[in-house]
């Protein structure tokens, strides 16, 4: 009797990521995943209690990839650190549109997002050091820049616009400099 082939969690996640990349998060279901893996649904549910648990791991994997984009762009030296984070988000949206949608364009009303501000612990000092703003002002500047960056990234992920890196860089600089000027020159 031939040995049974074990379908591992990493193989399941890789197949699920491929489905999301190709067809969007809505296409991820047990039947499509089993077809991709060339097996029944049994190995999927041997590794996962339900599809929500699997989706949670797929979101975590997509976030790891997004974090890699951030690290790469922020360590490349091509742009100042803070700008590099925005450029990375937009590049991720352009290169991985379905994963961007999964991470940033899903209904999160049932999720606990109370820890989201802790993610800014690395970015706010960068803004403070380059502008001299207080932490509160740096947070507000970041909030407004994030809305701007997210808008561009969303338009890139949905193929609404197709700006090259030079144009993206230019508009991010314009927005940042305008906001910085407003915060530094209070009336």
Protein backbone atom coordinates (compact mmCIF):
# COMPACT_ATOMS: atom_id res chain seq x y z
CA UNK A 1 0.00 0.00 0.00
CA UNK A 2 1.53 3.37 -1.01
CA UNK A 3 2.22 5.84 1.81
CA UNK A 4 -0.36 8.55 2.38
CA UNK A 5 0.70 12.01 1.29
CA UNK A 6 0.37 14.42 4.16
CA UNK A 7 -0.99 17.85 3.30
CA UNK A 8 0.68 20.28 5.69
CA UNK A 9 -0.51 23.64 7.00
CA UNK A 10 2.21 25.48 5.04
CA UNK A 11 1.05 23.77 1.83
CA UNK A 12 -2.56 24.67 2.60
CA UNK A 13 -1.66 28.30 3.30
CA UNK A 14 0.43 28.52 0.12
CA UNK A 15 -2.46 27.16 -1.95
CA UNK A 16 -4.92 29.49 -0.21
CA UNK A 17 -2.65 32.48 -0.88
CA UNK A 18 -2.49 31.50 -4.56
CA UNK A 19 -6.28 31.36 -4.76
CA UNK A 20 -6.64 34.78 -3.11
CA UNK A 21 -3.97 36.28 -5.37
CA UNK A 22 -5.63 34.95 -8.51
CA UNK A 23 -9.32 35.35 -7.71
CA UNK A 24 -9.73 37.36 -4.53
CA UNK A 25 -10.64 36.45 -0.98
CA UNK A 26 -14.21 35.58 -1.95
CA UNK A 27 -12.95 32.65 -4.02
CA UNK A 28 -11.31 30.97 -1.03
CA UNK A 29 -13.42 28.02 0.04
CA UNK A 30 -12.75 24.40 1.01
CA UNK A 31 -13.72 22.96 -2.37
CA UNK A 32 -11.49 25.37 -4.35
CA UNK A 33 -8.64 24.77 -1.92
CA UNK A 34 -8.98 20.99 -2.15
CA UNK A 35 -8.98 21.22 -5.95
CA UNK A 36 -5.82 23.35 -5.85
CA UNK A 37 -4.14 20.85 -3.53
CA UNK A 38 -5.36 17.83 -5.50
CA UNK A 39 -7.04 16.23 -2.50
CA UNK A 40 -10.37 15.98 -0.74
CA UNK A 41 -11.41 18.54 1.86
CA UNK A 42 -10.47 16.09 4.64
CA UNK A 43 -6.80 17.17 4.90
CA UNK A 44 -7.89 20.81 5.12
CA UNK A 45 -10.21 20.13 8.03
CA UNK A 46 -7.65 17.83 9.66
CA UNK A 47 -5.40 20.88 9.90
CA UNK A 48 -8.07 23.52 10.55
CA UNK A 49 -11.20 23.44 12.69
CA UNK A 50 -13.04 25.61 10.16
CA UNK A 51 -12.53 28.00 7.26
CA UNK A 52 -12.38 31.01 9.59
CA UNK A 53 -9.28 29.58 11.26
CA UNK A 54 -7.73 29.07 7.84
CA UNK A 55 -8.67 32.60 6.75
CA UNK A 56 -7.03 33.92 9.89
CA UNK A 57 -3.77 32.18 8.95
CA UNK A 58 -4.03 33.48 5.37
CA UNK A 59 -4.49 37.03 6.67
CA UNK A 60 -1.46 36.54 8.94
CA UNK A 61 0.59 35.27 5.99
CA UNK A 62 -0.51 38.21 3.82
CA UNK A 63 0.46 40.56 6.66
CA UNK A 64 3.91 38.92 6.90
CA UNK A 65 4.38 39.61 3.19
CA UNK A 66 3.20 43.21 3.64
CA UNK A 67 5.67 43.65 6.54
CA UNK A 68 8.44 42.34 4.27
CA UNK A 69 7.57 45.04 1.72
CA UNK A 70 7.82 47.64 4.49
CA UNK A 71 11.18 46.32 5.72
CA UNK A 72 12.60 46.14 2.19
CA UNK A 73 11.61 49.67 1.26
CA UNK A 74 12.53 51.17 4.62
CA UNK A 75 16.01 49.62 4.55
CA UNK A 76 16.73 50.23 0.86
CA UNK A 77 17.77 53.85 1.43
CA UNK A 78 15.93 54.94 -1.72
CA UNK A 79 13.58 57.21 0.23
CA UNK A 80 13.57 58.78 3.69
CA UNK A 81 12.28 56.21 6.23
CA UNK A 82 8.79 57.57 6.71
CA UNK A 83 8.22 58.13 3.00
CA UNK A 84 9.52 54.62 2.32
CA UNK A 85 6.71 53.19 4.46
CA UNK A 86 4.11 54.92 2.30
CA UNK A 87 5.85 53.93 -0.92
CA UNK A 88 5.95 50.31 0.30
CA UNK A 89 2.22 50.30 1.04
CA UNK A 90 1.43 51.60 -2.42
CA UNK A 91 3.88 49.18 -4.05
CA UNK A 92 2.24 46.30 -2.16
CA UNK A 93 -1.20 47.42 -3.38
CA UNK A 94 0.08 47.62 -6.96
CA UNK A 95 1.94 44.30 -6.94
CA UNK A 96 -0.40 42.30 -4.68
CA UNK A 97 -3.83 43.89 -5.21
CA UNK A 98 -5.91 41.01 -3.89
CA UNK A 99 -3.75 40.62 -0.79
CA UNK A 100 -3.97 44.39 -0.21
CA UNK A 101 -7.76 44.14 -0.44
CA UNK A 102 -7.72 41.22 1.99
CA UNK A 103 -5.68 43.17 4.54
CA UNK A 104 -7.05 46.68 4.16
CA UNK A 105 -10.37 46.57 2.35
CA UNK A 106 -12.35 44.00 4.33
CA UNK A 107 -15.06 44.60 6.91
CA UNK A 108 -13.25 44.84 10.22
CA UNK A 109 -16.20 45.94 12.35
CA UNK A 110 -16.20 42.64 14.27
CA UNK A 111 -12.43 42.70 14.86
CA UNK A 112 -10.63 44.05 17.90
CA UNK A 113 -8.41 46.80 16.47
CA UNK A 114 -7.54 48.35 19.82
CA UNK A 115 -3.87 47.41 19.43
CA UNK A 116 -3.48 49.10 16.05
CA UNK A 117 -1.92 52.24 17.55
CA UNK A 118 0.96 50.17 18.97
CA UNK A 119 2.02 49.51 15.39
CA UNK A 120 2.92 53.20 15.19
CA UNK A 121 5.60 52.91 17.87
CA UNK A 122 8.24 52.61 15.14
CA UNK A 123 6.86 55.30 12.81
CA UNK A 124 6.00 58.13 15.19
CA UNK A 125 9.60 58.65 16.41
CA UNK A 126 10.71 58.86 12.76
CA UNK A 127 8.21 61.67 12.17
CA UNK A 128 9.12 63.37 15.44
CA UNK A 129 12.85 63.26 14.71
CA UNK A 130 12.49 64.64 11.20
CA UNK A 131 9.99 67.39 12.09
CA UNK A 132 10.39 68.26 15.75
CA UNK A 133 6.67 67.63 16.31
CA UNK A 134 5.26 66.28 19.56
CA UNK A 135 4.06 62.68 19.63
CA UNK A 136 0.43 63.85 19.46
CA UNK A 137 1.13 66.09 16.45
CA UNK A 138 3.19 63.33 14.79
CA UNK A 139 0.24 60.97 15.29
CA UNK A 140 -2.14 63.45 13.63
CA UNK A 141 0.27 64.03 10.74
CA UNK A 142 0.59 60.27 10.30
CA UNK A 143 -3.17 59.79 10.43
CA UNK A 144 -3.68 62.32 7.64
CA UNK A 145 -0.80 60.88 5.59
CA UNK A 146 -2.12 57.34 6.10
CA UNK A 147 -5.50 58.38 4.71
CA UNK A 148 -3.73 59.89 1.68
CA UNK A 149 -1.45 56.85 1.17
CA UNK A 150 -4.35 54.44 1.65
CA UNK A 151 -6.37 56.32 -0.95
CA UNK A 152 -3.60 56.04 -3.53
CA UNK A 153 -3.00 52.39 -2.63
CA UNK A 154 -6.72 51.60 -2.93
CA UNK A 155 -6.88 53.26 -6.33
CA UNK A 156 -3.81 51.26 -7.41
CA UNK A 157 -5.25 47.96 -6.08
CA UNK A 158 -8.52 48.53 -7.92
CA UNK A 159 -6.79 49.65 -11.14
CA UNK A 160 -8.34 53.10 -10.88
CA UNK A 161 -4.96 54.72 -11.45
CA UNK A 162 -1.56 53.54 -12.58
CA UNK A 163 1.00 56.03 -11.37
CA UNK A 164 4.66 55.19 -11.71
CA UNK A 165 7.05 55.46 -8.75
CA UNK A 166 8.12 58.98 -9.70
CA UNK A 167 4.57 60.33 -9.68
CA UNK A 168 3.74 58.47 -6.48
CA UNK A 169 6.89 59.82 -4.84
CA UNK A 170 6.09 63.35 -5.94
CA UNK A 171 2.54 63.42 -4.57
CA UNK A 172 3.61 61.85 -1.28
CA UNK A 173 6.28 64.51 -0.88
CA UNK A 174 3.79 67.27 -1.69
CA UNK A 175 1.26 65.97 0.85
CA UNK A 176 3.87 65.42 3.55
CA UNK A 177 5.50 68.82 3.09
CA UNK A 178 2.10 70.52 3.10
CA UNK A 179 1.03 68.79 6.30
CA UNK A 180 4.39 69.38 7.95
CA UNK A 181 4.18 73.07 7.06
CA UNK A 182 0.70 73.30 8.57
CA UNK A 183 1.76 71.61 11.81
CA UNK A 184 4.95 73.66 12.15
CA UNK A 185 3.36 77.01 11.28
CA UNK A 186 0.29 77.10 13.47
CA UNK A 187 -1.70 80.30 13.35
